Amino acid sequence: MTARHWKNGLMALAQDELGTLVNTTVGTVLTCFAIVALIMPYRFSSGGVTGIALITNYLWGISPAWVITVGNALLLLWGWRYLSPRFALWTLYVSALTSLVIPLFEMFPYPTIGEPVLAALLGGVVGGIGYGMLFRVDASSGGMDVVVMAAKKRWGVDVGMMSLYLNLFVHIASFAVVSLEQVLLGVLLLYVESLTVDGVVRSFHRRTQALIITACPDELASFIVAELDHTATLIPAKGAYRGTPVEMLLVVLPRRQVPSLKRRIASLDPGAFVIFSDVSEVVGEGFKSWMRA
């Protein structure tokens, strides 16, 4: 491999990880804000290491930063051999940043939301956006994610079920310090948080797929390549009614480019038959790299 290839590879890696740095930093700040401003004042329960940190805060007034930092450090020491170096390093960065940001947010007062349900909903949205930003760059906030990932590689356990059982155990333990209503609101918060995480992760990769049957496939393909800066696939087909050979175009585009494609199809071939469908993820050249898949 030449020096130029090494240089290009390092520059590409730095560019990718710069995005990871921005996402993990902003995402961690949002999750810490949700904990301090939207969970702790209402004594909601939570899952994982954060849930344990909240229990100790409600019982003895210990800052969650201490429990989260120490807990993540111990879990990383236990499971580091089963984790990828990248996963472990970014988890360590998020844990260190959390230990700084939570005490910073604890220094400020926050307005009280009179209706706890609204606080739970807002906490789920804010925390979900933060965790979604972490997950979309394959980073982690640590905690039970480390346990689950390590246990999967060591014992082959089901990730979803193990995560559910661990979080359920922490919620049940929260009954020792908070009321049933606060536990239920904590569960509601986590549910909204999980929906928001899914929305954030998918929104960054969502694209529109168009399957086009037209009398002008070459002209439309040229427009897609030259004007939209994408490629398309020509697929030979045959109409079932007349038995006439036709060519279909398969193209995947960002949603913002769909109106331009529609206008060009209408101008070239008003009789074209087009199917538009949303796709949650596209991996390959011009889209998401297989290194991030």
C-alpha atoms as a PDB file:
ATOM      1  CA  MET A   1       0.000   0.000   0.000  1.00  0.00           C
ATOM      2  CA  THR A   2       1.401   3.387  -1.042  1.00  0.00           C
ATOM      3  CA  ALA A   3       1.848   6.418   1.177  1.00  0.00           C
ATOM      4  CA  ARG A   4      -1.048   8.096  -0.631  1.00  0.00           C
ATOM      5  CA  HIS A   5      -3.351   5.174   0.200  1.00  0.00           C
ATOM      6  CA  TRP A   6      -2.306   5.342   3.846  1.00  0.00           C
ATOM      7  CA  LYS A   7      -2.884   9.104   3.893  1.00  0.00           C
ATOM      8  CA  ASN A   8      -6.312   8.805   2.269  1.00  0.00           C
ATOM      9  CA  GLY A   9      -7.249   6.023   4.668  1.00  0.00           C
ATOM     10  CA  LEU A  10      -6.218   8.020   7.714  1.00  0.00           C
ATOM     11  CA  MET A  11      -8.063  11.105   6.472  1.00  0.00           C
ATOM     12  CA  ALA A  12     -11.217   9.074   5.874  1.00  0.00           C
ATOM     13  CA  LEU A  13     -10.925   7.552   9.355  1.00  0.00           C
ATOM     14  CA  ALA A  14     -10.420  10.978  10.933  1.00  0.00           C
ATOM     15  CA  GLN A  15     -13.445  12.342   9.060  1.00  0.00           C
ATOM     16  CA  ASP A  16     -15.614   9.430  10.200  1.00  0.00           C
ATOM     17  CA  GLU A  17     -14.496   9.678  13.809  1.00  0.00           C
ATOM     18  CA  LEU A  18     -14.937  13.466  13.844  1.00  0.00           C
ATOM     19  CA  GLY A  19     -18.622  12.843  13.201  1.00  0.00           C
ATOM     20  CA  THR A  20     -18.597  10.279  15.988  1.00  0.00           C
ATOM     21  CA  LEU A  21     -17.003  12.803  18.351  1.00  0.00           C
ATOM     22  CA  VAL A  22     -19.671  15.412  17.613  1.00  0.00           C
ATOM     23  CA  ASN A  23     -22.542  12.934  17.961  1.00  0.00           C
ATOM     24  CA  THR A  24     -21.245  11.350  21.160  1.00  0.00           C
ATOM     25  CA  THR A  25     -20.565  14.740  22.754  1.00  0.00           C
ATOM     26  CA  VAL A  26     -23.949  16.265  21.927  1.00  0.00           C
ATOM     27  CA  GLY A  27     -25.754  13.010  22.678  1.00  0.00           C
ATOM     28  CA  THR A  28     -24.094  12.671  26.078  1.00  0.00           C
ATOM     29  CA  VAL A  29     -24.928  16.267  26.997  1.00  0.00           C
ATOM     30  CA  LEU A  30     -28.598  15.641  26.139  1.00  0.00           C
ATOM     31  CA  THR A  31     -28.810  12.416  28.141  1.00  0.00           C
ATOM     32  CA  CYS A  32     -27.178  14.080  31.148  1.00  0.00           C
ATOM     33  CA  PHE A  33     -29.600  16.990  30.913  1.00  0.00           C
ATOM     34  CA  ALA A  34     -32.545  14.574  30.834  1.00  0.00           C
ATOM     35  CA  ILE A  35     -31.269  12.812  33.966  1.00  0.00           C
ATOM     36  CA  VAL A  36     -30.673  15.987  35.985  1.00  0.00           C
ATOM     37  CA  ALA A  37     -33.552  18.199  34.842  1.00  0.00           C
ATOM     38  CA  LEU A  38     -36.306  15.767  33.834  1.00  0.00           C
ATOM     39  CA  ILE A  39     -35.835  12.598  35.870  1.00  0.00           C
ATOM     40  CA  MET A  40     -34.231  13.365  39.229  1.00  0.00           C
ATOM     41  CA  PRO A  41     -36.595  16.216  40.298  1.00  0.00           C
ATOM     42  CA  TYR A  42     -39.594  13.899  39.827  1.00  0.00           C
ATOM     43  CA  ARG A  43     -37.921  10.805  41.306  1.00  0.00           C
ATOM     44  CA  PHE A  44     -38.700   8.665  38.279  1.00  0.00           C
ATOM     45  CA  SER A  45     -37.175   5.203  38.088  1.00  0.00           C
ATOM     46  CA  SER A  46     -34.902   4.183  35.241  1.00  0.00           C
ATOM     47  CA  GLY A  47     -33.093   1.123  33.974  1.00  0.00           C
ATOM     48  CA  GLY A  48     -29.496  -0.043  33.864  1.00  0.00           C
ATOM     49  CA  VAL A  49     -26.632   1.641  35.657  1.00  0.00           C
ATOM     50  CA  THR A  50     -28.488   4.959  35.443  1.00  0.00           C
ATOM     51  CA  GLY A  51     -31.374   3.400  37.382  1.00  0.00           C
ATOM     52  CA  ILE A  52     -28.982   2.190  40.079  1.00  0.00           C
ATOM     53  CA  ALA A  53     -27.392   5.660  40.228  1.00  0.00           C
ATOM     54  CA  LEU A  54     -30.829   7.204  40.694  1.00  0.00           C
ATOM     55  CA  ILE A  55     -31.667   4.814  43.531  1.00  0.00           C
ATOM     56  CA  THR A  56     -28.492   5.818  45.387  1.00  0.00           C
ATOM     57  CA  ASN A  57     -29.300   9.477  44.743  1.00  0.00           C
ATOM     58  CA  TYR A  58     -32.820   9.147  46.126  1.00  0.00           C
ATOM     59  CA  LEU A  59     -31.576   7.236  49.189  1.00  0.00           C
ATOM     60  CA  TRP A  60     -28.409   9.085  50.122  1.00  0.00           C
ATOM     61  CA  GLY A  61     -28.148  12.130  47.835  1.00  0.00           C
ATOM     62  CA  ILE A  62     -25.116  10.794  45.952  1.00  0.00           C
ATOM     63  CA  SER A  63     -24.617  12.432  42.569  1.00  0.00           C
ATOM     64  CA  PRO A  64     -25.460   9.984  39.750  1.00  0.00           C
ATOM     65  CA  ALA A  65     -22.173  10.942  38.112  1.00  0.00           C
ATOM     66  CA  TRP A  66     -20.204   8.961  40.699  1.00  0.00           C
ATOM     67  CA  VAL A  67     -22.186   5.751  40.396  1.00  0.00           C
ATOM     68  CA  ILE A  68     -22.374   5.926  36.595  1.00  0.00           C
ATOM     69  CA  THR A  69     -18.638   6.605  36.265  1.00  0.00           C
ATOM     70  CA  VAL A  70     -17.524   3.944  38.741  1.00  0.00           C
ATOM     71  CA  GLY A  71     -20.075   1.442  37.463  1.00  0.00           C
ATOM     72  CA  ASN A  72     -19.047   1.899  33.838  1.00  0.00           C
ATOM     73  CA  ALA A  73     -15.358   1.661  34.741  1.00  0.00           C
ATOM     74  CA  LEU A  74     -15.892  -1.640  36.581  1.00  0.00           C
ATOM     75  CA  LEU A  75     -18.027  -3.058  33.775  1.00  0.00           C
ATOM     76  CA  LEU A  76     -15.440  -2.074  31.152  1.00  0.00           C
ATOM     77  CA  LEU A  77     -12.698  -3.739  33.183  1.00  0.00           C
ATOM     78  CA  TRP A  78     -14.830  -6.889  33.383  1.00  0.00           C
ATOM     79  CA  GLY A  79     -15.881  -7.041  29.749  1.00  0.00           C
ATOM     80  CA  TRP A  80     -13.145  -5.285  27.782  1.00  0.00           C
ATOM     81  CA  ARG A  81     -11.757  -8.511  26.288  1.00  0.00           C
ATOM     82  CA  TYR A  82     -15.128  -9.244  24.690  1.00  0.00           C
ATOM     83  CA  LEU A  83     -15.631  -5.750  23.235  1.00  0.00           C
ATOM     84  CA  SER A  84     -14.183  -4.164  20.117  1.00  0.00           C
ATOM     85  CA  PRO A  85     -11.482  -1.555  20.822  1.00  0.00           C
ATOM     86  CA  ARG A  86     -13.587   1.155  19.166  1.00  0.00           C
ATOM     87  CA  PHE A  87     -16.677   0.329  21.241  1.00  0.00           C
ATOM     88  CA  ALA A  88     -14.653   0.292  24.458  1.00  0.00           C
ATOM     89  CA  LEU A  89     -12.840   3.574  23.728  1.00  0.00           C
ATOM     90  CA  TRP A  90     -15.980   5.507  22.842  1.00  0.00           C
ATOM     91  CA  THR A  91     -17.778   4.079  25.870  1.00  0.00           C
ATOM     92  CA  LEU A  92     -14.871   5.260  28.016  1.00  0.00           C
ATOM     93  CA  TYR A  93     -15.102   8.734  26.465  1.00  0.00           C
ATOM     94  CA  VAL A  94     -18.865   8.935  27.069  1.00  0.00           C
ATOM     95  CA  SER A  95     -18.412   7.787  30.675  1.00  0.00           C
ATOM     96  CA  ALA A  96     -15.716  10.394  31.321  1.00  0.00           C
ATOM     97  CA  LEU A  97     -17.798  13.139  29.744  1.00  0.00           C
ATOM     98  CA  THR A  98     -20.830  12.081  31.810  1.00  0.00           C
ATOM     99  CA  SER A  99     -18.807  12.414  35.012  1.00  0.00           C
ATOM    100  CA  LEU A 100     -18.126  16.058  34.088  1.00  0.00           C
ATOM    101  CA  VAL A 101     -21.464  17.118  32.587  1.00  0.00           C
ATOM    102  CA  ILE A 102     -23.846  15.808  35.285  1.00  0.00           C
ATOM    103  CA  PRO A 103     -22.173  17.785  38.131  1.00  0.00           C
ATOM    104  CA  LEU A 104     -22.209  20.842  35.846  1.00  0.00           C
ATOM    105  CA  PHE A 105     -25.958  20.539  35.238  1.00  0.00           C
ATOM    106  CA  GLU A 106     -26.571  19.925  38.951  1.00  0.00           C
ATOM    107  CA  MET A 107     -25.334  23.465  39.640  1.00  0.00           C
ATOM    108  CA  PHE A 108     -28.383  25.074  38.006  1.00  0.00           C
ATOM    109  CA  PRO A 109     -32.060  25.241  39.008  1.00  0.00           C
ATOM    110  CA  TYR A 110     -34.706  24.102  36.542  1.00  0.00           C
ATOM    111  CA  PRO A 111     -38.385  25.062  36.203  1.00  0.00           C
ATOM    112  CA  THR A 112     -40.807  22.488  37.568  1.00  0.00           C
ATOM    113  CA  ILE A 113     -43.334  20.930  35.215  1.00  0.00           C
ATOM    114  CA  GLY A 114     -46.612  20.731  37.098  1.00  0.00           C
ATOM    115  CA  GLU A 115     -47.798  17.545  35.407  1.00  0.00           C
ATOM    116  CA  PRO A 116     -45.374  14.602  35.981  1.00  0.00           C
ATOM    117  CA  VAL A 117     -46.650  12.792  32.866  1.00  0.00           C
ATOM    118  CA  LEU A 118     -45.488  15.702  30.715  1.00  0.00           C
ATOM    119  CA  ALA A 119     -42.112  15.626  32.448  1.00  0.00           C
ATOM    120  CA  ALA A 120     -41.822  11.891  31.700  1.00  0.00           C
ATOM    121  CA  LEU A 121     -42.745  12.425  28.046  1.00  0.00           C
ATOM    122  CA  LEU A 122     -40.272  15.277  27.652  1.00  0.00           C
ATOM    123  CA  GLY A 123     -37.566  13.310  29.458  1.00  0.00           C
ATOM    124  CA  GLY A 124     -38.132  10.374  27.106  1.00  0.00           C
ATOM    125  CA  VAL A 125     -37.867  12.577  24.030  1.00  0.00           C
ATOM    126  CA  VAL A 126     -34.743  14.457  25.161  1.00  0.00           C
ATOM    127  CA  GLY A 127     -33.013  11.314  26.424  1.00  0.00           C
ATOM    128  CA  GLY A 128     -34.061   9.388  23.308  1.00  0.00           C
ATOM    129  CA  ILE A 129     -32.532  11.998  21.025  1.00  0.00           C
ATOM    130  CA  GLY A 130     -29.302  11.824  23.020  1.00  0.00           C
ATOM    131  CA  TYR A 131     -29.100   8.032  23.030  1.00  0.00           C
ATOM    132  CA  GLY A 132     -30.109   7.954  19.372  1.00  0.00           C
ATOM    133  CA  MET A 133     -27.164  10.169  18.485  1.00  0.00           C
ATOM    134  CA  LEU A 134     -24.878   7.747  20.307  1.00  0.00           C
ATOM    135  CA  PHE A 135     -26.332   4.631  18.717  1.00  0.00           C
ATOM    136  CA  ARG A 136     -26.329   5.989  15.166  1.00  0.00           C
ATOM    137  CA  VAL A 137     -22.503   6.215  15.276  1.00  0.00           C
ATOM    138  CA  ASP A 138     -22.133   2.801  16.973  1.00  0.00           C
ATOM    139  CA  ALA A 139     -21.180   4.346  20.309  1.00  0.00           C
ATOM    140  CA  SER A 140     -22.589   3.506  23.725  1.00  0.00           C
ATOM    141  CA  SER A 141     -23.348   5.143  27.037  1.00  0.00           C
ATOM    142  CA  GLY A 142     -21.897   2.100  28.790  1.00  0.00           C
ATOM    143  CA  GLY A 143     -23.738   0.451  31.650  1.00  0.00           C
ATOM    144  CA  MET A 144     -25.859  -2.527  30.711  1.00  0.00           C
ATOM    145  CA  ASP A 145     -24.809  -2.187  27.058  1.00  0.00           C
ATOM    146  CA  VAL A 146     -21.361  -3.429  28.117  1.00  0.00           C
ATOM    147  CA  VAL A 147     -22.856  -6.334  30.071  1.00  0.00           C
ATOM    148  CA  VAL A 148     -25.126  -7.354  27.218  1.00  0.00           C
ATOM    149  CA  MET A 149     -22.451  -7.105  24.510  1.00  0.00           C
ATOM    150  CA  ALA A 150     -19.911  -9.022  26.583  1.00  0.00           C
ATOM    151  CA  ALA A 151     -22.433 -11.699  27.606  1.00  0.00           C
ATOM    152  CA  LYS A 152     -23.497 -12.174  23.997  1.00  0.00           C
ATOM    153  CA  LYS A 153     -19.934 -12.875  22.886  1.00  0.00           C
ATOM    154  CA  ARG A 154     -19.056 -14.958  25.938  1.00  0.00           C
ATOM    155  CA  TRP A 155     -22.186 -17.054  26.397  1.00  0.00           C
ATOM    156  CA  GLY A 156     -24.251 -16.369  23.273  1.00  0.00           C
ATOM    157  CA  VAL A 157     -27.250 -14.996  25.203  1.00  0.00           C
ATOM    158  CA  ASP A 158     -30.151 -13.227  23.512  1.00  0.00           C
ATOM    159  CA  VAL A 159     -29.378  -9.495  23.621  1.00  0.00           C
ATOM    160  CA  GLY A 160     -32.961  -8.247  23.715  1.00  0.00           C
ATOM    161  CA  MET A 161     -34.156 -10.583  26.453  1.00  0.00           C
ATOM    162  CA  MET A 162     -31.127 -10.051  28.666  1.00  0.00           C
ATOM    163  CA  SER A 163     -31.441  -6.274  28.385  1.00  0.00           C
ATOM    164  CA  LEU A 164     -35.150  -6.535  29.243  1.00  0.00           C
ATOM    165  CA  TYR A 165     -34.506  -8.673  32.339  1.00  0.00           C
ATOM    166  CA  LEU A 166     -31.719  -6.434  33.635  1.00  0.00           C
ATOM    167  CA  ASN A 167     -33.763  -3.263  33.243  1.00  0.00           C
ATOM    168  CA  LEU A 168     -36.824  -4.941  34.749  1.00  0.00           C
ATOM    169  CA  PHE A 169     -34.769  -5.961  37.789  1.00  0.00           C
ATOM    170  CA  VAL A 170     -33.595  -2.366  38.338  1.00  0.00           C
ATOM    171  CA  HIS A 171     -37.143  -1.035  38.018  1.00  0.00           C
ATOM    172  CA  ILE A 172     -38.399  -3.551  40.572  1.00  0.00           C
ATOM    173  CA  ALA A 173     -35.581  -2.549  42.934  1.00  0.00           C
ATOM    174  CA  SER A 174     -36.724   1.065  42.595  1.00  0.00           C
ATOM    175  CA  PHE A 175     -39.875   0.195  44.559  1.00  0.00           C
ATOM    176  CA  ALA A 176     -37.697   0.429  47.668  1.00  0.00           C
ATOM    177  CA  VAL A 177     -37.299   4.191  47.271  1.00  0.00           C
ATOM    178  CA  VAL A 178     -40.070   5.518  45.001  1.00  0.00           C
ATOM    179  CA  SER A 179     -43.812   5.038  44.646  1.00  0.00           C
ATOM    180  CA  LEU A 180     -45.635   2.816  42.177  1.00  0.00           C
ATOM    181  CA  GLU A 181     -46.695   5.901  40.195  1.00  0.00           C
ATOM    182  CA  GLN A 182     -43.089   7.040  39.829  1.00  0.00           C
ATOM    183  CA  VAL A 183     -42.014   3.585  38.667  1.00  0.00           C
ATOM    184  CA  LEU A 184     -44.816   3.512  36.102  1.00  0.00           C
ATOM    185  CA  LEU A 185     -43.890   6.982  34.886  1.00  0.00           C
ATOM    186  CA  GLY A 186     -40.280   5.812  34.657  1.00  0.00           C
ATOM    187  CA  VAL A 187     -41.407   2.898  32.473  1.00  0.00           C
ATOM    188  CA  LEU A 188     -43.389   5.352  30.318  1.00  0.00           C
ATOM    189  CA  LEU A 189     -40.290   7.518  30.001  1.00  0.00           C
ATOM    190  CA  LEU A 190     -38.202   4.556  28.861  1.00  0.00           C
ATOM    191  CA  TYR A 191     -40.868   3.539  26.344  1.00  0.00           C
ATOM    192  CA  VAL A 192     -40.969   7.026  24.813  1.00  0.00           C
ATOM    193  CA  GLU A 193     -37.178   7.086  24.915  1.00  0.00           C
ATOM    194  CA  SER A 194     -36.932   3.820  22.966  1.00  0.00           C
ATOM    195  CA  LEU A 195     -39.377   5.086  20.317  1.00  0.00           C
ATOM    196  CA  THR A 196     -37.387   8.296  19.977  1.00  0.00           C
ATOM    197  CA  VAL A 197     -34.112   6.381  19.684  1.00  0.00           C
ATOM    198  CA  ASP A 198     -35.543   4.302  16.837  1.00  0.00           C
ATOM    199  CA  GLY A 199     -36.785   7.440  15.111  1.00  0.00           C
ATOM    200  CA  VAL A 200     -33.439   9.224  15.419  1.00  0.00           C
ATOM    201  CA  VAL A 201     -31.390   6.246  14.217  1.00  0.00           C
ATOM    202  CA  ARG A 202     -33.656   5.508  11.253  1.00  0.00           C
ATOM    203  CA  SER A 203     -34.162   9.112  10.185  1.00  0.00           C
ATOM    204  CA  PHE A 204     -30.488   9.546   9.349  1.00  0.00           C
ATOM    205  CA  HIS A 205     -30.500   6.520   7.018  1.00  0.00           C
ATOM    206  CA  ARG A 206     -34.020   6.695   5.577  1.00  0.00           C
ATOM    207  CA  ARG A 207     -34.221   6.970   1.792  1.00  0.00           C
ATOM    208  CA  THR A 208     -36.859   6.694  -0.907  1.00  0.00           C
ATOM    209  CA  GLN A 209     -36.784   3.880  -3.429  1.00  0.00           C
ATOM    210  CA  ALA A 210     -38.381   4.447  -6.842  1.00  0.00           C
ATOM    211  CA  LEU A 211     -39.264   1.667  -9.281  1.00  0.00           C
ATOM    212  CA  ILE A 212     -40.027   3.297 -12.636  1.00  0.00           C
ATOM    213  CA  ILE A 213     -41.519   1.814 -15.807  1.00  0.00           C
ATOM    214  CA  THR A 214     -41.150   4.395 -18.565  1.00  0.00           C
ATOM    215  CA  ALA A 215     -40.808   4.736 -22.316  1.00  0.00           C
ATOM    216  CA  CYS A 216     -37.751   6.946 -21.775  1.00  0.00           C
ATOM    217  CA  PRO A 217     -35.462   4.905 -19.503  1.00  0.00           C
ATOM    218  CA  ASP A 218     -32.184   6.176 -20.973  1.00  0.00           C
ATOM    219  CA  GLU A 219     -33.128   9.859 -20.731  1.00  0.00           C
ATOM    220  CA  LEU A 220     -34.331   9.425 -17.165  1.00  0.00           C
ATOM    221  CA  ALA A 221     -31.201   7.480 -16.211  1.00  0.00           C
ATOM    222  CA  SER A 222     -29.045  10.278 -17.636  1.00  0.00           C
ATOM    223  CA  PHE A 223     -30.954  12.842 -15.537  1.00  0.00           C
ATOM    224  CA  ILE A 224     -30.475  10.772 -12.365  1.00  0.00           C
ATOM    225  CA  VAL A 225     -26.732  10.456 -12.976  1.00  0.00           C
ATOM    226  CA  ALA A 226     -26.029  13.994 -14.218  1.00  0.00           C
ATOM    227  CA  GLU A 227     -28.474  16.105 -12.212  1.00  0.00           C
ATOM    228  CA  LEU A 228     -29.153  14.120  -9.033  1.00  0.00           C
ATOM    229  CA  ASP A 229     -25.623  12.686  -8.762  1.00  0.00           C
ATOM    230  CA  HIS A 230     -26.861   9.144  -8.189  1.00  0.00           C
ATOM    231  CA  THR A 231     -26.902   5.989 -10.217  1.00  0.00           C
ATOM    232  CA  ALA A 232     -29.767   3.722 -11.206  1.00  0.00           C
ATOM    233  CA  THR A 233     -30.215   0.113 -12.234  1.00  0.00           C
ATOM    234  CA  LEU A 234     -31.925  -0.823 -15.491  1.00  0.00           C
ATOM    235  CA  ILE A 235     -33.935  -4.033 -15.127  1.00  0.00           C
ATOM    236  CA  PRO A 236     -35.351  -5.821 -18.206  1.00  0.00           C
ATOM    237  CA  ALA A 237     -38.994  -6.813 -17.754  1.00  0.00           C
ATOM    238  CA  LYS A 238     -42.124  -7.735 -19.723  1.00  0.00           C
ATOM    239  CA  GLY A 239     -45.669  -6.457 -19.337  1.00  0.00           C
ATOM    240  CA  ALA A 240     -48.107  -9.207 -18.337  1.00  0.00           C
ATOM    241  CA  TYR A 241     -51.085  -7.808 -20.300  1.00  0.00           C
ATOM    242  CA  ARG A 242     -49.503  -7.110 -23.696  1.00  0.00           C
ATOM    243  CA  GLY A 243     -46.316  -9.120 -23.331  1.00  0.00           C
ATOM    244  CA  THR A 244     -44.328  -6.068 -24.423  1.00  0.00           C
ATOM    245  CA  PRO A 245     -40.674  -5.873 -23.284  1.00  0.00           C
ATOM    246  CA  VAL A 246     -40.002  -2.880 -21.042  1.00  0.00           C
ATOM    247  CA  GLU A 247     -37.131  -1.554 -18.960  1.00  0.00           C
ATOM    248  CA  MET A 248     -37.549  -0.634 -15.318  1.00  0.00           C
ATOM    249  CA  LEU A 249     -35.334   1.772 -13.426  1.00  0.00           C
ATOM    250  CA  LEU A 250     -34.521   1.116  -9.810  1.00  0.00           C
ATOM    251  CA  VAL A 251     -33.143   4.132  -7.954  1.00  0.00           C
ATOM    252  CA  VAL A 252     -32.663   5.037  -4.301  1.00  0.00           C
ATOM    253  CA  LEU A 253     -32.548   8.719  -3.386  1.00  0.00           C
ATOM    254  CA  PRO A 254     -32.613  11.053  -0.389  1.00  0.00           C
ATOM    255  CA  ARG A 255     -36.187  12.171   0.169  1.00  0.00           C
ATOM    256  CA  ARG A 256     -35.373  15.794  -0.652  1.00  0.00           C
ATOM    257  CA  GLN A 257     -34.547  14.789  -4.270  1.00  0.00           C
ATOM    258  CA  VAL A 258     -37.829  12.977  -4.898  1.00  0.00           C
ATOM    259  CA  PRO A 259     -39.735  16.111  -6.064  1.00  0.00           C
ATOM    260  CA  SER A 260     -37.057  16.786  -8.711  1.00  0.00           C
ATOM    261  CA  LEU A 261     -37.350  13.205  -9.939  1.00  0.00           C
ATOM    262  CA  LYS A 262     -41.151  13.479 -10.111  1.00  0.00           C
ATOM    263  CA  ARG A 263     -40.994  16.666 -12.151  1.00  0.00           C
ATOM    264  CA  ARG A 264     -38.580  15.155 -14.645  1.00  0.00           C
ATOM    265  CA  ILE A 265     -40.669  11.989 -15.022  1.00  0.00           C
ATOM    266  CA  ALA A 266     -43.775  14.109 -15.622  1.00  0.00           C
ATOM    267  CA  SER A 267     -41.990  16.139 -18.317  1.00  0.00           C
ATOM    268  CA  LEU A 268     -40.410  13.134 -20.070  1.00  0.00           C
ATOM    269  CA  ASP A 269     -43.192  10.568 -19.851  1.00  0.00           C
ATOM    270  CA  PRO A 270     -46.537  11.535 -18.292  1.00  0.00           C
ATOM    271  CA  GLY A 271     -47.684   7.944 -18.805  1.00  0.00           C
ATOM    272  CA  ALA A 272     -44.879   6.439 -16.696  1.00  0.00           C
ATOM    273  CA  PHE A 273     -45.731   3.995 -13.915  1.00  0.00           C
ATOM    274  CA  VAL A 274     -43.814   4.687 -10.698  1.00  0.00           C
ATOM    275  CA  ILE A 275     -43.780   3.064  -7.269  1.00  0.00           C
ATOM    276  CA  PHE A 276     -42.266   5.086  -4.414  1.00  0.00           C
ATOM    277  CA  SER A 277     -41.472   3.397  -1.110  1.00  0.00           C
ATOM    278  CA  ASP A 278     -39.536   4.368   2.003  1.00  0.00           C
ATOM    279  CA  VAL A 279     -36.512   2.265   2.944  1.00  0.00           C
ATOM    280  CA  SER A 280     -35.044   2.417   6.434  1.00  0.00           C
ATOM    281  CA  GLU A 281     -31.411   1.817   5.481  1.00  0.00           C
ATOM    282  CA  VAL A 282     -29.211   1.618   2.398  1.00  0.00           C
ATOM    283  CA  VAL A 283     -25.692   0.208   2.517  1.00  0.00           C
ATOM    284  CA  GLY A 284     -23.260   0.527  -0.369  1.00  0.00           C
ATOM    285  CA  GLU A 285     -21.426   3.028  -2.525  1.00  0.00           C
ATOM    286  CA  GLY A 286     -22.935   6.493  -2.290  1.00  0.00           C
ATOM    287  CA  PHE A 287     -24.793   5.677   0.928  1.00  0.00           C
ATOM    288  CA  LYS A 288     -23.871   4.125   4.264  1.00  0.00           C
ATOM    289  CA  SER A 289     -20.461   2.430   4.338  1.00  0.00           C
ATOM    290  CA  TRP A 290     -20.241  -1.283   5.148  1.00  0.00           C
ATOM    291  CA  MET A 291     -17.804  -0.267   7.882  1.00  0.00           C
ATOM    292  CA  ARG A 292     -20.800   1.372   9.621  1.00  0.00           C
ATOM    293  CA  ALA A 293     -23.403  -1.260   8.744  1.00  0.00           C
END
